[in-house]
PDB file of N, CA and C in Angstrom:
ATOM      1  N   UNK A   1      18.639 119.859  85.655  1.00  0.00           N
ATOM      2  CA  UNK A   1      18.986 121.224  85.500  1.00  0.00           C
ATOM      3  C   UNK A   1      18.013 121.739  84.394  1.00  0.00           C
ATOM      4  N   UNK A   2      17.385 122.896  84.504  1.00  0.00           N
ATOM      5  CA  UNK A   2      16.507 123.391  83.756  1.00  0.00           C
ATOM      6  C   UNK A   2      17.192 124.316  82.749  1.00  0.00           C
ATOM      7  N   UNK A   3      17.292 124.093  81.413  1.00  0.00           N
ATOM      8  CA  UNK A   3      18.119 124.840  80.380  1.00  0.00           C
ATOM      9  C   UNK A   3      17.477 126.219  80.266  1.00  0.00           C
ATOM     10  N   UNK A   4      16.279 126.384  80.755  1.00  0.00           N
ATOM     11  CA  UNK A   4      15.672 127.758  80.504  1.00  0.00           C
ATOM     12  C   UNK A   4      16.232 128.659  81.510  1.00  0.00           C
ATOM     13  N   UNK A   5      16.780 128.199  82.689  1.00  0.00           N
ATOM     14  CA  UNK A   5      17.079 129.134  83.834  1.00  0.00           C
ATOM     15  C   UNK A   5      18.680 129.437  83.628  1.00  0.00           C
ATOM     16  N   UNK A   6      19.433 128.604  82.837  1.00  0.00           N
ATOM     17  CA  UNK A   6      20.745 128.816  82.613  1.00  0.00           C
ATOM     18  C   UNK A   6      21.158 128.934  81.234  1.00  0.00           C
ATOM     19  N   UNK A   7      21.957 130.038  80.802  1.00  0.00           N
ATOM     20  CA  UNK A   7      22.395 130.121  79.480  1.00  0.00           C
ATOM     21  C   UNK A   7      23.951 130.153  79.487  1.00  0.00           C
ATOM     22  N   UNK A   8      24.513 129.792  78.430  1.00  0.00           N
ATOM     23  CA  UNK A   8      25.945 129.644  78.164  1.00  0.00           C
ATOM     24  C   UNK A   8      26.377 131.044  77.909  1.00  0.00           C
ATOM     25  N   UNK A   9      27.218 131.744  78.645  1.00  0.00           N
ATOM     26  CA  UNK A   9      27.748 132.865  78.338  1.00  0.00           C
ATOM     27  C   UNK A   9      29.238 132.867  78.084  1.00  0.00           C
ATOM     28  N   UNK A  10      29.503 132.577  76.636  1.00  0.00           N
ATOM     29  CA  UNK A  10      30.945 132.325  76.191  1.00  0.00           C
ATOM     30  C   UNK A  10      31.859 133.288  76.664  1.00  0.00           C
ATOM     31  N   UNK A  11      31.584 134.649  76.658  1.00  0.00           N
ATOM     32  CA  UNK A  11      32.562 135.653  77.157  1.00  0.00           C
ATOM     33  C   UNK A  11      32.930 135.658  78.413  1.00  0.00           C
ATOM     34  N   UNK A  12      31.893 135.045  79.441  1.00  0.00           N
ATOM     35  CA  UNK A  12      32.339 134.844  80.809  1.00  0.00           C
ATOM     36  C   UNK A  12      33.286 133.625  80.908  1.00  0.00           C
ATOM     37  N   UNK A  13      33.059 132.707  80.170  1.00  0.00           N
ATOM     38  CA  UNK A  13      33.785 131.322  80.097  1.00  0.00           C
ATOM     39  C   UNK A  13      35.170 131.916  79.641  1.00  0.00           C
ATOM     40  N   UNK A  14      35.479 132.623  78.564  1.00  0.00           N
ATOM     41  CA  UNK A  14      36.664 132.891  78.062  1.00  0.00           C
ATOM     42  C   UNK A  14      37.366 133.837  79.110  1.00  0.00           C
ATOM     43  N   UNK A  15      36.770 134.617  79.708  1.00  0.00           N
ATOM     44  CA  UNK A  15      37.480 135.659  80.696  1.00  0.00           C
ATOM     45  C   UNK A  15      38.035 134.831  81.742  1.00  0.00           C
ATOM     46  N   UNK A  16      37.241 133.758  82.231  1.00  0.00           N
ATOM     47  CA  UNK A  16      37.716 132.875  83.280  1.00  0.00           C
ATOM     48  C   UNK A  16      38.906 132.005  82.924  1.00  0.00           C
ATOM     49  N   UNK A  17      38.689 131.425  81.751  1.00  0.00           N
ATOM     50  CA  UNK A  17      39.944 130.734  81.188  1.00  0.00           C
ATOM     51  C   UNK A  17      41.019 131.327  80.813  1.00  0.00           C
ATOM     52  N   UNK A  18      41.110 132.431  80.520  1.00  0.00           N
ATOM     53  CA  UNK A  18      42.206 133.223  79.964  1.00  0.00           C
ATOM     54  C   UNK A  18      43.347 133.297  81.115  1.00  0.00           C
ATOM     55  N   UNK A  19      42.974 133.128  82.334  1.00  0.00           N
ATOM     56  CA  UNK A  19      43.846 133.233  83.286  1.00  0.00           C
ATOM     57  C   UNK A  19      44.736 131.958  83.514  1.00  0.00           C
ATOM     58  N   UNK A  20      44.285 130.814  82.892  1.00  0.00           N
ATOM     59  CA  UNK A  20      45.021 129.619  82.784  1.00  0.00           C
ATOM     60  C   UNK A  20      45.749 129.291  81.704  1.00  0.00           C
ATOM     61  N   UNK A  21      45.456 130.140  80.665  1.00  0.00           N
ATOM     62  CA  UNK A  21      46.187 129.878  79.222  1.00  0.00           C
ATOM     63  C   UNK A  21      47.397 130.841  79.062  1.00  0.00           C
ATOM     64  N   UNK A  22      48.395 130.384  78.319  1.00  0.00           N
ATOM     65  CA  UNK A  22      49.562 131.170  78.087  1.00  0.00           C
ATOM     66  C   UNK A  22      49.175 132.348  77.292  1.00  0.00           C
ATOM     67  N   UNK A  23      49.858 133.467  77.620  1.00  0.00           N
ATOM     68  CA  UNK A  23      49.657 134.668  76.787  1.00  0.00           C
ATOM     69  C   UNK A  23      50.101 134.666  75.409  1.00  0.00           C
ATOM     70  N   UNK A  24      51.001 133.686  75.025  1.00  0.00           N
ATOM     71  CA  UNK A  24      51.492 133.515  73.662  1.00  0.00           C
ATOM     72  C   UNK A  24      51.325 132.076  73.336  1.00  0.00           C
ATOM     73  N   UNK A  25      51.020 132.036  72.041  1.00  0.00           N
ATOM     74  CA  UNK A  25      50.771 130.428  71.533  1.00  0.00           C
ATOM     75  C   UNK A  25      52.132 129.827  71.718  1.00  0.00           C
ATOM     76  N   UNK A  26      51.964 128.437  71.513  1.00  0.00           N
ATOM     77  CA  UNK A  26      53.112 127.409  71.636  1.00  0.00           C
ATOM     78  C   UNK A  26      54.135 127.775  70.353  1.00  0.00           C
ATOM     79  N   UNK A  27      55.366 127.703  70.619  1.00  0.00           N
ATOM     80  CA  UNK A  27      56.265 127.970  69.518  1.00  0.00           C
ATOM     81  C   UNK A  27      56.794 126.603  69.014  1.00  0.00           C
ATOM     82  N   UNK A  28      57.108 126.663  67.676  1.00  0.00           N
ATOM     83  CA  UNK A  28      57.562 125.434  67.104  1.00  0.00           C
ATOM     84  C   UNK A  28      58.940 125.112  67.533  1.00  0.00           C
ATOM     85  N   UNK A  29      59.827 126.258  67.607  1.00  0.00           N
ATOM     86  CA  UNK A  29      61.153 126.053  68.116  1.00  0.00           C
ATOM     87  C   UNK A  29      61.462 126.910  69.264  1.00  0.00           C
ATOM     88  N   UNK A  30      62.289 126.546  70.153  1.00  0.00           N
ATOM     89  CA  UNK A  30      62.742 127.271  71.169  1.00  0.00           C
ATOM     90  C   UNK A  30      63.457 128.652  70.774  1.00  0.00           C
ATOM     91  N   UNK A  31      63.234 129.567  71.439  1.00  0.00           N
ATOM     92  CA  UNK A  31      63.974 130.909  71.092  1.00  0.00           C
ATOM     93  C   UNK A  31      64.492 131.456  72.425  1.00  0.00           C
ATOM     94  N   UNK A  32      65.190 132.676  72.446  1.00  0.00           N
ATOM     95  CA  UNK A  32      65.993 133.071  73.572  1.00  0.00           C
ATOM     96  C   UNK A  32      65.262 133.344  74.897  1.00  0.00           C
ATOM     97  N   UNK A  33      63.804 133.454  74.709  1.00  0.00           N
ATOM     98  CA  UNK A  33      63.078 133.732  75.939  1.00  0.00           C
ATOM     99  C   UNK A  33      62.364 132.491  76.436  1.00  0.00           C
ATOM    100  N   UNK A  34      62.216 132.357  77.685  1.00  0.00           N
ATOM    101  CA  UNK A  34      61.274 131.266  78.185  1.00  0.00           C
ATOM    102  C   UNK A  34      60.186 131.845  78.802  1.00  0.00           C
ATOM    103  N   UNK A  35      59.021 131.674  78.249  1.00  0.00           N
ATOM    104  CA  UNK A  35      57.837 132.544  78.841  1.00  0.00           C
ATOM    105  C   UNK A  35      57.098 131.678  79.902  1.00  0.00           C
ATOM    106  N   UNK A  36      57.354 130.525  80.010  1.00  0.00           N
ATOM    107  CA  UNK A  36      56.590 129.611  80.839  1.00  0.00           C
ATOM    108  C   UNK A  36      57.281 129.748  82.293  1.00  0.00           C
ATOM    109  N   UNK A  37      56.584 129.992  83.235  1.00  0.00           N
ATOM    110  CA  UNK A  37      56.945 130.425  84.623  1.00  0.00           C
ATOM    111  C   UNK A  37      57.663 129.153  85.113  1.00  0.00           C
ATOM    112  N   UNK A  38      57.257 127.987  84.799  1.00  0.00           N
ATOM    113  CA  UNK A  38      57.877 126.770  85.395  1.00  0.00           C
ATOM    114  C   UNK A  38      59.487 126.713  85.136  1.00  0.00           C
ATOM    115  N   UNK A  39      59.907 127.331  84.180  1.00  0.00           N
ATOM    116  CA  UNK A  39      61.251 127.394  83.968  1.00  0.00           C
ATOM    117  C   UNK A  39      62.213 128.488  84.294  1.00  0.00           C
ATOM    118  N   UNK A  40      61.627 129.608  84.900  1.00  0.00           N
ATOM    119  CA  UNK A  40      62.181 130.746  85.210  1.00  0.00           C
ATOM    120  C   UNK A  40      63.316 130.606  86.352  1.00  0.00           C
ATOM    121  N   UNK A  41      63.126 129.803  87.212  1.00  0.00           N
ATOM    122  CA  UNK A  41      64.180 129.693  88.267  1.00  0.00           C
ATOM    123  C   UNK A  41      65.375 128.709  87.834  1.00  0.00           C
ATOM    124  N   UNK A  42      65.259 128.018  86.823  1.00  0.00           N
ATOM    125  CA  UNK A  42      66.152 127.048  86.364  1.00  0.00           C
ATOM    126  C   UNK A  42      67.312 127.737  85.709  1.00  0.00           C
ATOM    127  N   UNK A  43      68.500 127.021  85.578  1.00  0.00           N
ATOM    128  CA  UNK A  43      69.629 127.623  84.906  1.00  0.00           C
ATOM    129  C   UNK A  43      69.325 127.293  83.427  1.00  0.00           C
ATOM    130  N   UNK A  44      69.742 128.214  82.458  1.00  0.00           N
ATOM    131  CA  UNK A  44      69.269 128.298  81.162  1.00  0.00           C
ATOM    132  C   UNK A  44      69.290 126.903  80.526  1.00  0.00           C
ATOM    133  N   UNK A  45      70.632 126.284  80.493  1.00  0.00           N
ATOM    134  CA  UNK A  45      70.623 125.051  79.733  1.00  0.00           C
ATOM    135  C   UNK A  45      69.657 123.835  80.274  1.00  0.00           C
ATOM    136  N   UNK A  46      69.588 123.876  81.728  1.00  0.00           N
ATOM    137  CA  UNK A  46      68.806 122.883  82.403  1.00  0.00           C
ATOM    138  C   UNK A  46      67.272 123.111  81.884  1.00  0.00           C
ATOM    139  N   UNK A  47      66.948 124.390  81.921  1.00  0.00           N
ATOM    140  CA  UNK A  47      65.651 124.752  81.441  1.00  0.00           C
ATOM    141  C   UNK A  47      65.251 124.215  80.050  1.00  0.00           C
ATOM    142  N   UNK A  48      66.236 124.547  79.112  1.00  0.00           N
ATOM    143  CA  UNK A  48      65.966 124.098  77.671  1.00  0.00           C
ATOM    144  C   UNK A  48      65.831 122.762  77.430  1.00  0.00           C
ATOM    145  N   UNK A  49      66.704 121.870  78.087  1.00  0.00           N
ATOM    146  CA  UNK A  49      66.694 120.411  78.313  1.00  0.00           C
ATOM    147  C   UNK A  49      65.365 119.926  78.758  1.00  0.00           C
ATOM    148  N   UNK A  50      64.929 120.550  79.943  1.00  0.00           N
ATOM    149  CA  UNK A  50      63.661 120.092  80.423  1.00  0.00           C
ATOM    150  C   UNK A  50      62.512 120.398  79.582  1.00  0.00           C
ATOM    151  N   UNK A  51      62.454 121.709  78.968  1.00  0.00           N
ATOM    152  CA  UNK A  51      61.267 121.983  78.126  1.00  0.00           C
ATOM    153  C   UNK A  51      61.499 121.060  76.875  1.00  0.00           C
ATOM    154  N   UNK A  52      62.556 120.661  76.265  1.00  0.00           N
ATOM    155  CA  UNK A  52      62.765 119.804  74.998  1.00  0.00           C
ATOM    156  C   UNK A  52      62.099 118.543  75.500  1.00  0.00           C
ATOM    157  N   UNK A  53      62.347 117.877  76.689  1.00  0.00           N
ATOM    158  CA  UNK A  53      61.735 116.652  77.066  1.00  0.00           C
ATOM    159  C   UNK A  53      60.241 116.709  77.267  1.00  0.00           C
ATOM    160  N   UNK A  54      59.751 117.814  77.894  1.00  0.00           N
ATOM    161  CA  UNK A  54      58.308 117.996  78.001  1.00  0.00           C
ATOM    162  C   UNK A  54      57.498 118.164  76.849  1.00  0.00           C
ATOM    163  N   UNK A  55      58.008 118.937  75.779  1.00  0.00           N
ATOM    164  CA  UNK A  55      57.399 119.398  74.678  1.00  0.00           C
ATOM    165  C   UNK A  55      57.618 118.722  73.431  1.00  0.00           C
ATOM    166  N   UNK A  56      58.823 117.897  73.480  1.00  0.00           N
ATOM    167  CA  UNK A  56      59.119 117.283  72.263  1.00  0.00           C
ATOM    168  C   UNK A  56      59.677 118.112  71.194  1.00  0.00           C
ATOM    169  N   UNK A  57      60.219 119.226  71.631  1.00  0.00           N
ATOM    170  CA  UNK A  57      60.903 119.986  70.476  1.00  0.00           C
ATOM    171  C   UNK A  57      62.357 120.130  70.609  1.00  0.00           C
ATOM    172  N   UNK A  58      62.992 120.303  69.608  1.00  0.00           N
ATOM    173  CA  UNK A  58      64.443 120.250  69.654  1.00  0.00           C
ATOM    174  C   UNK A  58      64.881 121.734  69.918  1.00  0.00           C
ATOM    175  N   UNK A  59      65.956 121.854  70.645  1.00  0.00           N
ATOM    176  CA  UNK A  59      66.367 122.998  71.369  1.00  0.00           C
ATOM    177  C   UNK A  59      67.792 123.306  70.913  1.00  0.00           C
ATOM    178  N   UNK A  60      68.443 122.398  70.043  1.00  0.00           N
ATOM    179  CA  UNK A  60      69.864 122.488  69.671  1.00  0.00           C
ATOM    180  C   UNK A  60      69.957 121.512  68.511  1.00  0.00           C
ATOM    181  N   UNK A  61      71.088 121.852  67.835  1.00  0.00           N
ATOM    182  CA  UNK A  61      71.545 121.077  66.707  1.00  0.00           C
ATOM    183  C   UNK A  61      72.052 119.730  67.179  1.00  0.00           C
ATOM    184  N   UNK A  62      72.145 118.704  66.409  1.00  0.00           N
ATOM    185  CA  UNK A  62      72.816 117.373  66.751  1.00  0.00           C
ATOM    186  C   UNK A  62      74.253 117.558  66.628  1.00  0.00           C
ATOM    187  N   UNK A  63      75.085 116.779  67.207  1.00  0.00           N
ATOM    188  CA  UNK A  63      76.471 116.873  67.173  1.00  0.00           C
ATOM    189  C   UNK A  63      76.959 116.879  65.831  1.00  0.00           C
ATOM    190  N   UNK A  64      76.359 115.752  65.065  1.00  0.00           N
ATOM    191  CA  UNK A  64      76.850 115.702  63.692  1.00  0.00           C
ATOM    192  C   UNK A  64      76.673 117.057  62.755  1.00  0.00           C
ATOM    193  N   UNK A  65      75.518 117.757  63.166  1.00  0.00           N
ATOM    194  CA  UNK A  65      75.246 119.183  62.419  1.00  0.00           C
ATOM    195  C   UNK A  65      76.224 120.095  62.834  1.00  0.00           C
ATOM    196  N   UNK A  66      76.526 120.215  64.192  1.00  0.00           N
ATOM    197  CA  UNK A  66      77.558 121.208  64.614  1.00  0.00           C
ATOM    198  C   UNK A  66      78.836 120.863  63.886  1.00  0.00           C
ATOM    199  N   UNK A  67      79.351 119.585  63.887  1.00  0.00           N
ATOM    200  CA  UNK A  67      80.610 119.163  63.088  1.00  0.00           C
ATOM    201  C   UNK A  67      80.634 119.514  61.638  1.00  0.00           C
ATOM    202  N   UNK A  68      79.260 119.293  60.878  1.00  0.00           N
ATOM    203  CA  UNK A  68      79.281 119.459  59.544  1.00  0.00           C
ATOM    204  C   UNK A  68      79.424 120.974  59.359  1.00  0.00           C
ATOM    205  N   UNK A  69      78.937 121.913  60.173  1.00  0.00           N
ATOM    206  CA  UNK A  69      78.854 123.278  60.186  1.00  0.00           C
ATOM    207  C   UNK A  69      80.326 123.890  60.343  1.00  0.00           C
ATOM    208  N   UNK A  70      80.958 123.220  61.315  1.00  0.00           N
ATOM    209  CA  UNK A  70      82.236 123.649  61.697  1.00  0.00           C
ATOM    210  C   UNK A  70      83.292 123.483  60.579  1.00  0.00           C
ATOM    211  N   UNK A  71      83.064 122.327  59.839  1.00  0.00           N
ATOM    212  CA  UNK A  71      83.849 121.886  58.686  1.00  0.00           C
ATOM    213  C   UNK A  71      83.777 122.855  57.582  1.00  0.00           C
ATOM    214  N   UNK A  72      82.535 123.383  57.594  1.00  0.00           N
ATOM    215  CA  UNK A  72      82.218 124.496  56.354  1.00  0.00           C
ATOM    216  C   UNK A  72      82.502 125.717  56.790  1.00  0.00           C
ATOM    217  N   UNK A  73      83.196 125.896  57.935  1.00  0.00           N
ATOM    218  CA  UNK A  73      83.577 127.148  58.400  1.00  0.00           C
ATOM    219  C   UNK A  73      82.618 128.074  58.903  1.00  0.00           C
ATOM    220  N   UNK A  74      81.473 127.518  59.260  1.00  0.00           N
ATOM    221  CA  UNK A  74      80.224 128.302  59.701  1.00  0.00           C
ATOM    222  C   UNK A  74      80.117 128.363  61.182  1.00  0.00           C
TER     223      UNK A  74
END
């Protein structure tokens, strides 16, 4: 391939790639909305468990944390 005949157009590449990238950056923790279309047809709790396994993020407190908060009246 002759490099003189082909130039890299970064704006064209970004335009093509943006259709495959999420509109929002990855979140550290799960919030009330699921922006990933993969989970939209799932029941809420199934979706957050699945997302947790896929992305390795915590979506809930541990049982011990819930118990501690309950004892504190929170």
